[in-house]
Amino acid sequence: MKMKKVILKVMSKLCFAFISVYGLNLILSGVNIFIPINIITIVLVTLLGSPGILGLVAVYLLI
């Protein structure tokens, strides 16, 4: 029973991370900033949350 809750929580965070990166790409497409949606970016946003998204944008702007 407890393992089921953990799996649901992780899946929820993964879905939120995917939707966040996708939404960010929609918003920032006007200024030609595109963050690729791949396993690395999704895991980073899943683990770090909003600071992870800001970090991805900062790295994109610095490179």
PDB file of N, CA and C in Angstrom:
ATOM      1  N   MET A   1       0.823  -1.190   0.000  1.00  0.00           N
ATOM      2  CA  MET A   1       0.000   0.000   0.000  1.00  0.00           C
ATOM      3  C   MET A   1       0.870   1.259   0.000  1.00  0.00           C
ATOM      4  N   LYS A   2       1.926   1.270   0.805  1.00  0.00           N
ATOM      5  CA  LYS A   2       2.789   2.434   0.883  1.00  0.00           C
ATOM      6  C   LYS A   2       3.561   2.622  -0.419  1.00  0.00           C
ATOM      7  N   MET A   3       3.973   1.525  -1.050  1.00  0.00           N
ATOM      8  CA  MET A   3       4.727   1.605  -2.306  1.00  0.00           C
ATOM      9  C   MET A   3       3.860   2.217  -3.413  1.00  0.00           C
ATOM     10  N   LYS A   4       2.578   1.936  -3.380  1.00  0.00           N
ATOM     11  CA  LYS A   4       1.660   2.474  -4.366  1.00  0.00           C
ATOM     12  C   LYS A   4       1.590   3.996  -4.268  1.00  0.00           C
ATOM     13  N   LYS A   5       1.598   4.523  -3.040  1.00  0.00           N
ATOM     14  CA  LYS A   5       1.568   5.969  -2.830  1.00  0.00           C
ATOM     15  C   LYS A   5       2.849   6.623  -3.331  1.00  0.00           C
ATOM     16  N   VAL A   6       3.973   5.962  -3.106  1.00  0.00           N
ATOM     17  CA  VAL A   6       5.257   6.499  -3.565  1.00  0.00           C
ATOM     18  C   VAL A   6       5.297   6.548  -5.088  1.00  0.00           C
ATOM     19  N   ILE A   7       4.842   5.501  -5.729  1.00  0.00           N
ATOM     20  CA  ILE A   7       4.827   5.456  -7.193  1.00  0.00           C
ATOM     21  C   ILE A   7       3.910   6.536  -7.748  1.00  0.00           C
ATOM     22  N   LEU A   8       2.750   6.727  -7.149  1.00  0.00           N
ATOM     23  CA  LEU A   8       1.830   7.765  -7.608  1.00  0.00           C
ATOM     24  C   LEU A   8       2.423   9.164  -7.426  1.00  0.00           C
ATOM     25  N   LYS A   9       3.143   9.379  -6.335  1.00  0.00           N
ATOM     26  CA  LYS A   9       3.763  10.671  -6.081  1.00  0.00           C
ATOM     27  C   LYS A   9       4.852  10.960  -7.114  1.00  0.00           C
ATOM     28  N   VAL A  10       5.668   9.960  -7.423  1.00  0.00           N
ATOM     29  CA  VAL A  10       6.726  10.136  -8.421  1.00  0.00           C
ATOM     30  C   VAL A  10       6.131  10.387  -9.804  1.00  0.00           C
ATOM     31  N   MET A  11       5.105   9.647 -10.158  1.00  0.00           N
ATOM     32  CA  MET A  11       4.460   9.842 -11.456  1.00  0.00           C
ATOM     33  C   MET A  11       3.824  11.229 -11.544  1.00  0.00           C
ATOM     34  N   SER A  12       3.265  11.696 -10.456  1.00  0.00           N
ATOM     35  CA  SER A  12       2.669  13.030 -10.425  1.00  0.00           C
ATOM     36  C   SER A  12       3.737  14.102 -10.648  1.00  0.00           C
ATOM     37  N   LYS A  13       4.881  13.950  -9.987  1.00  0.00           N
ATOM     38  CA  LYS A  13       5.967  14.913 -10.159  1.00  0.00           C
ATOM     39  C   LYS A  13       6.525  14.879 -11.582  1.00  0.00           C
ATOM     40  N   LEU A  14       6.621  13.685 -12.171  1.00  0.00           N
ATOM     41  CA  LEU A  14       7.105  13.576 -13.550  1.00  0.00           C
ATOM     42  C   LEU A  14       6.152  14.266 -14.525  1.00  0.00           C
ATOM     43  N   CYS A  15       4.864  14.072 -14.321  1.00  0.00           N
ATOM     44  CA  CYS A  15       3.871  14.727 -15.189  1.00  0.00           C
ATOM     45  C   CYS A  15       3.930  16.243 -15.028  1.00  0.00           C
ATOM     46  N   PHE A  16       4.054  16.715 -13.808  1.00  0.00           N
ATOM     47  CA  PHE A  16       4.167  18.152 -13.567  1.00  0.00           C
ATOM     48  C   PHE A  16       5.422  18.717 -14.232  1.00  0.00           C
ATOM     49  N   ALA A  17       6.525  17.994 -14.161  1.00  0.00           N
ATOM     50  CA  ALA A  17       7.775  18.452 -14.778  1.00  0.00           C
ATOM     51  C   ALA A  17       7.619  18.549 -16.289  1.00  0.00           C
ATOM     52  N   PHE A  18       7.001  17.545 -16.902  1.00  0.00           N
ATOM     53  CA  PHE A  18       6.801  17.558 -18.354  1.00  0.00           C
ATOM     54  C   PHE A  18       5.918  18.729 -18.768  1.00  0.00           C
ATOM     55  N   ILE A  19       4.829  18.925 -18.049  1.00  0.00           N
ATOM     56  CA  ILE A  19       3.910  20.021 -18.372  1.00  0.00           C
ATOM     57  C   ILE A  19       4.581  21.373 -18.151  1.00  0.00           C
ATOM     58  N   SER A  20       5.416  21.473 -17.128  1.00  0.00           N
ATOM     59  CA  SER A  20       6.116  22.732 -16.850  1.00  0.00           C
ATOM     60  C   SER A  20       7.094  23.082 -17.966  1.00  0.00           C
ATOM     61  N   VAL A  21       7.882  22.112 -18.398  1.00  0.00           N
ATOM     62  CA  VAL A  21       8.853  22.377 -19.474  1.00  0.00           C
ATOM     63  C   VAL A  21       8.125  22.688 -20.777  1.00  0.00           C
ATOM     64  N   TYR A  22       7.063  21.962 -21.060  1.00  0.00           N
ATOM     65  CA  TYR A  22       6.290  22.224 -22.272  1.00  0.00           C
ATOM     66  C   TYR A  22       5.662  23.622 -22.235  1.00  0.00           C
ATOM     67  N   GLY A  23       5.086  23.990 -21.097  1.00  0.00           N
ATOM     68  CA  GLY A  23       4.498  25.321 -20.945  1.00  0.00           C
ATOM     69  C   GLY A  23       5.541  26.414 -21.062  1.00  0.00           C
ATOM     70  N   LEU A  24       6.711  26.181 -20.485  1.00  0.00           N
ATOM     71  CA  LEU A  24       7.804  27.151 -20.602  1.00  0.00           C
ATOM     72  C   LEU A  24       8.197  27.343 -22.059  1.00  0.00           C
ATOM     73  N   ASN A  25       8.259  26.248 -22.808  1.00  0.00           N
ATOM     74  CA  ASN A  25       8.593  26.355 -24.228  1.00  0.00           C
ATOM     75  C   ASN A  25       7.530  27.145 -24.989  1.00  0.00           C
ATOM     76  N   LEU A  26       6.267  26.968 -24.642  1.00  0.00           N
ATOM     77  CA  LEU A  26       5.208  27.738 -25.302  1.00  0.00           C
ATOM     78  C   LEU A  26       5.323  29.229 -24.991  1.00  0.00           C
ATOM     79  N   ILE A  27       5.605  29.536 -23.737  1.00  0.00           N
ATOM     80  CA  ILE A  27       5.698  30.934 -23.326  1.00  0.00           C
ATOM     81  C   ILE A  27       6.922  31.613 -23.933  1.00  0.00           C
ATOM     82  N   LEU A  28       8.061  30.923 -23.924  1.00  0.00           N
ATOM     83  CA  LEU A  28       9.313  31.529 -24.376  1.00  0.00           C
ATOM     84  C   LEU A  28       9.575  31.370 -25.868  1.00  0.00           C
ATOM     85  N   SER A  29       8.648  30.777 -26.598  1.00  0.00           N
ATOM     86  CA  SER A  29       8.863  30.623 -28.035  1.00  0.00           C
ATOM     87  C   SER A  29       8.889  31.972 -28.746  1.00  0.00           C
ATOM     88  N   GLY A  30       8.279  32.976 -28.167  1.00  0.00           N
ATOM     89  CA  GLY A  30       8.288  34.309 -28.756  1.00  0.00           C
ATOM     90  C   GLY A  30       9.663  34.956 -28.759  1.00  0.00           C
ATOM     91  N   VAL A  31      10.520  34.571 -27.830  1.00  0.00           N
ATOM     92  CA  VAL A  31      11.874  35.135 -27.763  1.00  0.00           C
ATOM     93  C   VAL A  31      12.921  34.109 -28.195  1.00  0.00           C
ATOM     94  N   ASN A  32      12.488  33.072 -28.905  1.00  0.00           N
ATOM     95  CA  ASN A  32      13.354  32.038 -29.473  1.00  0.00           C
ATOM     96  C   ASN A  32      14.196  31.309 -28.427  1.00  0.00           C
ATOM     97  N   ILE A  33      13.628  31.035 -27.279  1.00  0.00           N
ATOM     98  CA  ILE A  33      14.274  30.199 -26.279  1.00  0.00           C
ATOM     99  C   ILE A  33      13.530  28.870 -26.265  1.00  0.00           C
ATOM    100  N   PHE A  34      14.283  27.793 -26.480  1.00  0.00           N
ATOM    101  CA  PHE A  34      13.685  26.464 -26.525  1.00  0.00           C
ATOM    102  C   PHE A  34      14.491  25.525 -25.638  1.00  0.00           C
ATOM    103  N   ILE A  35      13.852  24.945 -24.640  1.00  0.00           N
ATOM    104  CA  ILE A  35      14.462  23.952 -23.770  1.00  0.00           C
ATOM    105  C   ILE A  35      14.003  22.580 -24.264  1.00  0.00           C
ATOM    106  N   PRO A  36      14.932  21.726 -24.676  1.00  0.00           N
ATOM    107  CA  PRO A  36      14.513  20.414 -25.192  1.00  0.00           C
ATOM    108  C   PRO A  36      13.845  19.568 -24.110  1.00  0.00           C
ATOM    109  N   ILE A  37      12.852  18.823 -24.527  1.00  0.00           N
ATOM    110  CA  ILE A  37      12.167  17.928 -23.599  1.00  0.00           C
ATOM    111  C   ILE A  37      12.786  16.551 -23.775  1.00  0.00           C
ATOM    112  N   ASN A  38      13.652  16.186 -22.842  1.00  0.00           N
ATOM    113  CA  ASN A  38      14.263  14.861 -22.850  1.00  0.00           C
ATOM    114  C   ASN A  38      14.351  14.360 -21.411  1.00  0.00           C
ATOM    115  N   ILE A  39      14.907  13.187 -21.244  1.00  0.00           N
ATOM    116  CA  ILE A  39      14.920  12.557 -19.921  1.00  0.00           C
ATOM    117  C   ILE A  39      15.732  13.371 -18.918  1.00  0.00           C
ATOM    118  N   ILE A  40      16.810  13.997 -19.369  1.00  0.00           N
ATOM    119  CA  ILE A  40      17.667  14.761 -18.460  1.00  0.00           C
ATOM    120  C   ILE A  40      16.938  15.990 -17.939  1.00  0.00           C
ATOM    121  N   THR A  41      16.291  16.731 -18.822  1.00  0.00           N
ATOM    122  CA  THR A  41      15.601  17.940 -18.382  1.00  0.00           C
ATOM    123  C   THR A  41      14.400  17.600 -17.500  1.00  0.00           C
ATOM    124  N   ILE A  42      13.692  16.537 -17.823  1.00  0.00           N
ATOM    125  CA  ILE A  42      12.528  16.152 -17.025  1.00  0.00           C
ATOM    126  C   ILE A  42      12.958  15.701 -15.627  1.00  0.00           C
ATOM    127  N   VAL A  43      14.024  14.914 -15.540  1.00  0.00           N
ATOM    128  CA  VAL A  43      14.507  14.467 -14.229  1.00  0.00           C
ATOM    129  C   VAL A  43      15.017  15.652 -13.420  1.00  0.00           C
ATOM    130  N   LEU A  44      15.707  16.580 -14.082  1.00  0.00           N
ATOM    131  CA  LEU A  44      16.218  17.758 -13.387  1.00  0.00           C
ATOM    132  C   LEU A  44      15.081  18.590 -12.799  1.00  0.00           C
ATOM    133  N   VAL A  45      14.049  18.809 -13.577  1.00  0.00           N
ATOM    134  CA  VAL A  45      12.908  19.590 -13.088  1.00  0.00           C
ATOM    135  C   VAL A  45      12.134  18.798 -12.039  1.00  0.00           C
ATOM    136  N   THR A  46      12.065  17.482 -12.169  1.00  0.00           N
ATOM    137  CA  THR A  46      11.397  16.663 -11.165  1.00  0.00           C
ATOM    138  C   THR A  46      12.105  16.759  -9.820  1.00  0.00           C
ATOM    139  N   LEU A  47      13.418  16.699  -9.835  1.00  0.00           N
ATOM    140  CA  LEU A  47      14.179  16.736  -8.583  1.00  0.00           C
ATOM    141  C   LEU A  47      14.259  18.131  -7.977  1.00  0.00           C
ATOM    142  N   LEU A  48      14.430  19.163  -8.814  1.00  0.00           N
ATOM    143  CA  LEU A  48      14.663  20.509  -8.298  1.00  0.00           C
ATOM    144  C   LEU A  48      13.436  21.411  -8.306  1.00  0.00           C
ATOM    145  N   GLY A  49      12.462  21.107  -9.125  1.00  0.00           N
ATOM    146  CA  GLY A  49      11.256  21.935  -9.188  1.00  0.00           C
ATOM    147  C   GLY A  49      11.490  23.220  -9.959  1.00  0.00           C
ATOM    148  N   SER A  50      10.943  24.322  -9.464  1.00  0.00           N
ATOM    149  CA  SER A  50      11.049  25.615 -10.141  1.00  0.00           C
ATOM    150  C   SER A  50      12.488  26.099 -10.295  1.00  0.00           C
ATOM    151  N   PRO A  51      13.355  25.924  -9.315  1.00  0.00           N
ATOM    152  CA  PRO A  51      14.753  26.315  -9.539  1.00  0.00           C
ATOM    153  C   PRO A  51      15.404  25.538 -10.684  1.00  0.00           C
ATOM    154  N   GLY A  52      14.961  24.321 -10.907  1.00  0.00           N
ATOM    155  CA  GLY A  52      15.476  23.538 -12.029  1.00  0.00           C
ATOM    156  C   GLY A  52      15.110  24.159 -13.364  1.00  0.00           C
ATOM    157  N   ILE A  53      13.872  24.656 -13.463  1.00  0.00           N
ATOM    158  CA  ILE A  53      13.433  25.318 -14.694  1.00  0.00           C
ATOM    159  C   ILE A  53      14.235  26.596 -14.913  1.00  0.00           C
ATOM    160  N   LEU A  54      14.392  27.383 -13.861  1.00  0.00           N
ATOM    161  CA  LEU A  54      15.170  28.618 -13.977  1.00  0.00           C
ATOM    162  C   LEU A  54      16.626  28.323 -14.327  1.00  0.00           C
ATOM    163  N   GLY A  55      17.164  27.255 -13.774  1.00  0.00           N
ATOM    164  CA  GLY A  55      18.527  26.856 -14.099  1.00  0.00           C
ATOM    165  C   GLY A  55      18.678  26.462 -15.553  1.00  0.00           C
ATOM    166  N   LEU A  56      17.694  25.766 -16.099  1.00  0.00           N
ATOM    167  CA  LEU A  56      17.753  25.391 -17.518  1.00  0.00           C
ATOM    168  C   LEU A  56      17.742  26.620 -18.418  1.00  0.00           C
ATOM    169  N   VAL A  57      16.908  27.603 -18.073  1.00  0.00           N
ATOM    170  CA  VAL A  57      16.856  28.830 -18.866  1.00  0.00           C
ATOM    171  C   VAL A  57      18.178  29.582 -18.739  1.00  0.00           C
ATOM    172  N   ALA A  58      18.745  29.633 -17.539  1.00  0.00           N
ATOM    173  CA  ALA A  58      20.019  30.336 -17.321  1.00  0.00           C
ATOM    174  C   ALA A  58      21.142  29.668 -18.123  1.00  0.00           C
ATOM    175  N   VAL A  59      21.179  28.344 -18.114  1.00  0.00           N
ATOM    176  CA  VAL A  59      22.209  27.638 -18.885  1.00  0.00           C
ATOM    177  C   VAL A  59      22.021  27.897 -20.364  1.00  0.00           C
ATOM    178  N   TYR A  60      20.771  27.914 -20.834  1.00  0.00           N
ATOM    179  CA  TYR A  60      20.521  28.179 -22.251  1.00  0.00           C
ATOM    180  C   TYR A  60      21.014  29.586 -22.629  1.00  0.00           C
ATOM    181  N   LEU A  61      20.772  30.548 -21.771  1.00  0.00           N
ATOM    182  CA  LEU A  61      21.179  31.928 -22.073  1.00  0.00           C
ATOM    183  C   LEU A  61      22.688  32.103 -21.986  1.00  0.00           C
ATOM    184  N   LEU A  62      23.365  31.349 -21.127  1.00  0.00           N
ATOM    185  CA  LEU A  62      24.816  31.466 -20.991  1.00  0.00           C
ATOM    186  C   LEU A  62      25.564  30.760 -22.120  1.00  0.00           C
ATOM    187  N   ILE A  63      24.958  29.756 -22.698  1.00  0.00           N
ATOM    188  CA  ILE A  63      25.633  29.011 -23.779  1.00  0.00           C
ATOM    189  C   ILE A  63      25.297  29.604 -25.087  1.00  0.00           C
TER     190      ILE A  63
END
